[in-house]
């Protein structure tokens, strides 16, 4: 594939404001589909590939970007706020809110996910569930969520990278709902999987048990209700402590 070309100037579609020297901005992320730069309180994603390749790869086309921006009202999934054009007027990227990492008050270092409280996890989980319900209402299916999609800031967990989400025209609401419920469950159970790995030394068999638990949780209709009951009595405890007790139950 061709190397990504960073445009010297970009234009914000909403107000036709021009930003020069994009490549001189702080680079805060990169993936197979683009590079992310920080611009004040915004994150600018400059996309790879031309329009035909983006369509073939189910990446963020102009039409999909515009639909997500105009139709989706999300709390915990970072959505497009504006569209970027190069100086020839060609769609080249989009704008998101920039979320800084949460830092510890005592040392100033990055706060680890396991140091947040179980109450933070519960709040994020239910707001993510609301977001996935919103996706379902608009016939949008979440796809390609991986470890790089997780962001942690002052109020805990967010998801980024909607490039491979897609609108399923003509599909029944039920099939979209099923897919999004499974993905929401996967996002939370996989987060806990990562934390359980962080607090434990596991062999291959135990890791297999954890993977099976994630698969079972993803397909469970009661996962979020069970999680709420599980966390109800430990809302003020660190997530790492909950992860440690949880992994012992799963792999015993």
Protein backbone atom coordinates (compact mmCIF):
# COMPACT_ATOMS: atom_id res chain seq x y z
CA UNK A 1 0.00 0.00 0.00
CA UNK A 2 1.06 3.57 -0.66
CA UNK A 3 2.62 5.55 2.18
CA UNK A 4 0.22 8.03 3.71
CA UNK A 5 0.67 11.59 2.50
CA UNK A 6 -0.04 14.22 5.16
CA UNK A 7 -1.60 17.28 3.50
CA UNK A 8 0.19 20.59 4.14
CA UNK A 9 -3.15 22.27 4.77
CA UNK A 10 -6.59 21.02 5.72
CA UNK A 11 -9.96 22.76 5.69
CA UNK A 12 -12.65 22.23 8.33
CA UNK A 13 -15.86 21.62 6.42
CA UNK A 14 -18.11 23.23 9.07
CA UNK A 15 -16.67 26.73 8.81
CA UNK A 16 -14.05 26.48 6.00
CA UNK A 17 -11.31 27.34 8.48
CA UNK A 18 -7.80 26.54 7.18
CA UNK A 19 -5.15 24.78 9.26
CA UNK A 20 -1.58 24.82 7.94
CA UNK A 21 1.34 22.47 8.67
CA UNK A 22 -0.67 19.49 9.91
CA UNK A 23 2.46 17.32 10.01
CA UNK A 24 3.97 19.66 12.62
CA UNK A 25 1.21 18.89 15.13
CA UNK A 26 1.74 16.40 17.95
CA UNK A 27 1.16 12.85 16.72
CA UNK A 28 -0.97 11.00 19.29
CA UNK A 29 -1.94 7.81 17.48
CA UNK A 30 -1.71 5.72 14.33
CA UNK A 31 -3.34 2.65 12.85
CA UNK A 32 -3.83 0.75 9.64
CA UNK A 33 -6.31 3.35 8.41
CA UNK A 34 -4.82 6.69 9.42
CA UNK A 35 -2.73 8.94 11.68
CA UNK A 36 -4.09 11.05 14.55
CA UNK A 37 -2.76 14.49 15.50
CA UNK A 38 -3.66 16.68 18.45
CA UNK A 39 -4.96 20.17 17.67
CA UNK A 40 -5.82 22.02 20.89
CA UNK A 41 -8.82 20.15 22.36
CA UNK A 42 -9.42 18.22 19.13
CA UNK A 43 -7.96 15.08 17.57
CA UNK A 44 -7.55 15.17 13.78
CA UNK A 45 -7.51 11.84 11.97
CA UNK A 46 -5.83 11.97 8.55
CA UNK A 47 -6.98 8.95 6.55
CA UNK A 48 -5.02 6.55 4.39
CA UNK A 49 -6.04 5.31 0.95
CA UNK A 50 -8.23 6.76 -1.77
CA UNK A 51 -12.02 6.58 -1.81
CA UNK A 52 -12.15 3.28 -3.72
CA UNK A 53 -9.84 1.48 -1.29
CA UNK A 54 -11.74 2.91 1.68
CA UNK A 55 -14.95 1.48 0.26
CA UNK A 56 -13.33 -1.91 -0.41
CA UNK A 57 -11.94 -2.04 3.14
CA UNK A 58 -15.19 -0.74 4.73
CA UNK A 59 -13.30 2.22 6.17
CA UNK A 60 -14.49 5.77 6.86
CA UNK A 61 -15.95 7.16 3.65
CA UNK A 62 -17.34 10.69 3.40
CA UNK A 63 -20.97 9.48 3.35
CA UNK A 64 -20.51 7.21 6.36
CA UNK A 65 -18.70 9.94 8.26
CA UNK A 66 -21.47 12.44 7.58
CA UNK A 67 -24.17 9.96 8.65
CA UNK A 68 -22.41 9.10 11.92
CA UNK A 69 -21.79 12.78 12.67
CA UNK A 70 -25.36 13.89 12.00
CA UNK A 71 -27.34 10.90 13.30
CA UNK A 72 -25.49 9.43 16.28
CA UNK A 73 -25.56 10.98 19.75
CA UNK A 74 -22.95 9.05 21.73
CA UNK A 75 -21.52 9.37 25.24
CA UNK A 76 -18.61 6.92 25.40
CA UNK A 77 -17.80 6.22 21.75
CA UNK A 78 -15.78 9.01 20.12
CA UNK A 79 -17.65 10.14 17.04
CA UNK A 80 -16.76 12.56 14.27
CA UNK A 81 -17.36 16.25 15.11
CA UNK A 82 -16.32 17.68 11.75
CA UNK A 83 -14.93 16.66 8.37
CA UNK A 84 -11.53 17.58 6.94
CA UNK A 85 -10.81 18.39 3.29
CA UNK A 86 -7.43 18.88 1.66
CA UNK A 87 -6.73 22.12 -0.18
CA UNK A 88 -8.15 20.63 -3.39
CA UNK A 89 -11.47 20.06 -1.61
CA UNK A 90 -11.01 16.29 -1.33
CA UNK A 91 -12.17 14.48 1.82
CA UNK A 92 -9.06 13.47 3.78
CA UNK A 93 -10.06 13.00 7.42
CA UNK A 94 -12.24 13.96 10.34
CA UNK A 95 -12.24 15.65 13.73
CA UNK A 96 -12.91 14.14 17.16
CA UNK A 97 -12.74 15.34 20.73
CA UNK A 98 -9.25 14.92 22.20
CA UNK A 99 -9.27 13.02 25.48
CA UNK A 100 -6.11 13.38 27.61
CA UNK A 101 -4.92 10.44 29.66
CA UNK A 102 -5.82 10.43 33.32
CA UNK A 103 -2.84 11.26 35.52
CA UNK A 104 -2.16 10.44 39.16
CA UNK A 105 -2.33 13.38 41.52
CA UNK A 106 0.71 12.31 43.55
CA UNK A 107 3.23 11.41 40.81
CA UNK A 108 1.76 12.89 37.63
CA UNK A 109 2.20 9.56 35.86
CA UNK A 110 -0.55 7.89 33.86
CA UNK A 111 -3.25 6.26 35.96
CA UNK A 112 -3.59 2.57 35.11
CA UNK A 113 -7.04 1.14 34.28
CA UNK A 114 -6.94 -1.19 37.28
CA UNK A 115 -6.50 1.78 39.63
CA UNK A 116 -9.94 3.14 38.76
CA UNK A 117 -12.86 2.05 40.94
CA UNK A 118 -15.48 -0.57 40.23
CA UNK A 119 -18.05 2.21 40.31
CA UNK A 120 -16.22 3.87 37.40
CA UNK A 121 -16.41 0.61 35.47
CA UNK A 122 -20.12 0.31 36.15
CA UNK A 123 -20.83 3.88 35.00
CA UNK A 124 -18.81 3.46 31.82
CA UNK A 125 -20.38 0.09 31.10
CA UNK A 126 -23.94 1.36 31.27
CA UNK A 127 -23.18 4.47 29.23
CA UNK A 128 -21.52 2.25 26.63
CA UNK A 129 -24.63 0.10 26.63
CA UNK A 130 -26.68 3.24 25.93
CA UNK A 131 -24.33 4.04 23.05
CA UNK A 132 -24.71 0.57 21.56
CA UNK A 133 -28.49 0.94 21.84
CA UNK A 134 -28.16 4.22 19.93
CA UNK A 135 -26.16 2.44 17.22
CA UNK A 136 -28.92 -0.14 16.95
CA UNK A 137 -31.63 2.52 16.59
CA UNK A 138 -29.71 3.99 13.66
CA UNK A 139 -29.00 0.56 12.12
CA UNK A 140 -25.25 0.89 12.71
CA UNK A 141 -23.20 -2.20 13.61
CA UNK A 142 -20.01 -1.85 15.66
CA UNK A 143 -17.04 -3.73 14.23
CA UNK A 144 -13.28 -4.16 14.65
CA UNK A 145 -13.03 -3.20 18.32
CA UNK A 146 -9.66 -4.23 19.73
CA UNK A 147 -7.28 -3.25 22.52
CA UNK A 148 -6.24 -0.13 20.60
CA UNK A 149 -9.88 1.04 20.65
CA UNK A 150 -9.84 1.56 24.44
CA UNK A 151 -9.13 5.03 25.83
CA UNK A 152 -8.83 5.95 29.51
CA UNK A 153 -9.35 9.49 30.76
CA UNK A 154 -10.50 11.26 33.94
CA UNK A 155 -13.91 9.57 33.95
CA UNK A 156 -12.55 6.21 32.82
CA UNK A 157 -13.32 4.18 29.70
CA UNK A 158 -14.11 5.39 26.17
CA UNK A 159 -13.96 3.74 22.76
CA UNK A 160 -12.41 5.24 19.65
CA UNK A 161 -11.98 4.25 15.99
CA UNK A 162 -15.41 3.93 14.36
CA UNK A 163 -13.90 3.59 10.88
CA UNK A 164 -15.12 0.03 10.31
CA UNK A 165 -18.56 0.47 11.89
CA UNK A 166 -21.17 0.19 9.18
CA UNK A 167 -24.80 0.94 8.47
CA UNK A 168 -26.77 -2.20 7.64
CA UNK A 169 -29.47 -0.96 5.26
CA UNK A 170 -32.39 -3.33 4.85
CA UNK A 171 -31.46 -5.47 7.84
CA UNK A 172 -33.92 -6.26 10.59
CA UNK A 173 -33.45 -4.32 13.82
CA UNK A 174 -33.17 -7.61 15.67
CA UNK A 175 -30.02 -8.73 13.82
CA UNK A 176 -28.37 -5.34 14.42
CA UNK A 177 -29.42 -5.47 18.06
CA UNK A 178 -27.97 -8.94 18.55
CA UNK A 179 -24.67 -7.92 17.00
CA UNK A 180 -24.38 -4.78 19.12
CA UNK A 181 -25.38 -6.49 22.37
CA UNK A 182 -22.67 -9.08 21.77
CA UNK A 183 -20.12 -6.40 20.95
CA UNK A 184 -20.99 -4.34 24.03
CA UNK A 185 -20.64 -7.43 26.23
CA UNK A 186 -17.37 -8.25 24.48
CA UNK A 187 -15.95 -4.77 25.11
CA UNK A 188 -16.53 -4.99 28.87
CA UNK A 189 -15.62 -8.66 29.33
CA UNK A 190 -12.46 -8.21 27.23
CA UNK A 191 -11.47 -5.23 29.37
CA UNK A 192 -11.82 -7.42 32.44
CA UNK A 193 -9.84 -10.14 30.65
CA UNK A 194 -6.94 -7.70 30.21
CA UNK A 195 -7.13 -6.69 33.86
CA UNK A 196 -7.27 -10.31 35.03
CA UNK A 197 -4.13 -10.97 33.01
CA UNK A 198 -2.46 -7.94 34.61
CA UNK A 199 -3.04 -9.14 38.16
CA UNK A 200 -2.31 -12.84 37.63
CA UNK A 201 0.35 -15.15 36.25
CA UNK A 202 -1.61 -17.58 34.09
CA UNK A 203 -0.63 -20.68 32.17
CA UNK A 204 -2.04 -21.63 28.76
CA UNK A 205 -4.91 -23.65 30.22
CA UNK A 206 -5.95 -20.80 32.51
CA UNK A 207 -5.77 -18.31 29.61
CA UNK A 208 -8.03 -20.65 27.66
CA UNK A 209 -10.53 -20.57 30.53
CA UNK A 210 -10.46 -16.77 30.40
CA UNK A 211 -11.00 -16.72 26.65
CA UNK A 212 -13.94 -19.08 27.01
CA UNK A 213 -15.36 -16.80 29.69
CA UNK A 214 -15.14 -13.80 27.33
CA UNK A 215 -16.89 -15.78 24.60
CA UNK A 216 -19.61 -16.93 26.99
CA UNK A 217 -20.05 -13.41 28.41
CA UNK A 218 -20.30 -11.90 24.93
CA UNK A 219 -23.19 -14.20 24.09
CA UNK A 220 -24.98 -13.79 27.41
CA UNK A 221 -28.26 -11.88 27.54
CA UNK A 222 -27.76 -11.26 31.28
CA UNK A 223 -24.09 -10.23 31.31
CA UNK A 224 -24.68 -6.56 32.15
CA UNK A 225 -27.24 -7.39 34.83
CA UNK A 226 -24.88 -9.96 36.35
CA UNK A 227 -22.02 -7.46 36.25
CA UNK A 228 -24.13 -4.85 38.05
CA UNK A 229 -24.95 -7.33 40.81
CA UNK A 230 -21.32 -8.38 40.99
CA UNK A 231 -20.05 -4.82 41.41
CA UNK A 232 -22.84 -3.50 43.64
CA UNK A 233 -21.01 -4.25 46.87
CA UNK A 234 -17.53 -3.17 45.76
CA UNK A 235 -18.14 0.14 43.98
CA UNK A 236 -15.38 1.86 45.97
CA UNK A 237 -12.78 -0.87 45.47
CA UNK A 238 -10.09 -0.72 42.76
CA UNK A 239 -10.91 -2.67 39.61
CA UNK A 240 -7.65 -4.59 40.07
CA UNK A 241 -8.99 -6.12 43.30
CA UNK A 242 -12.21 -7.18 41.62
CA UNK A 243 -10.21 -8.62 38.69
CA UNK A 244 -8.09 -10.66 41.06
CA UNK A 245 -11.08 -12.21 42.83
CA UNK A 246 -12.85 -12.77 39.49
CA UNK A 247 -9.98 -14.57 37.83
CA UNK A 248 -9.68 -16.95 40.76
CA UNK A 249 -13.32 -17.95 40.33
CA UNK A 250 -12.96 -18.47 36.57
CA UNK A 251 -9.77 -20.54 36.48
CA UNK A 252 -10.16 -22.51 39.72
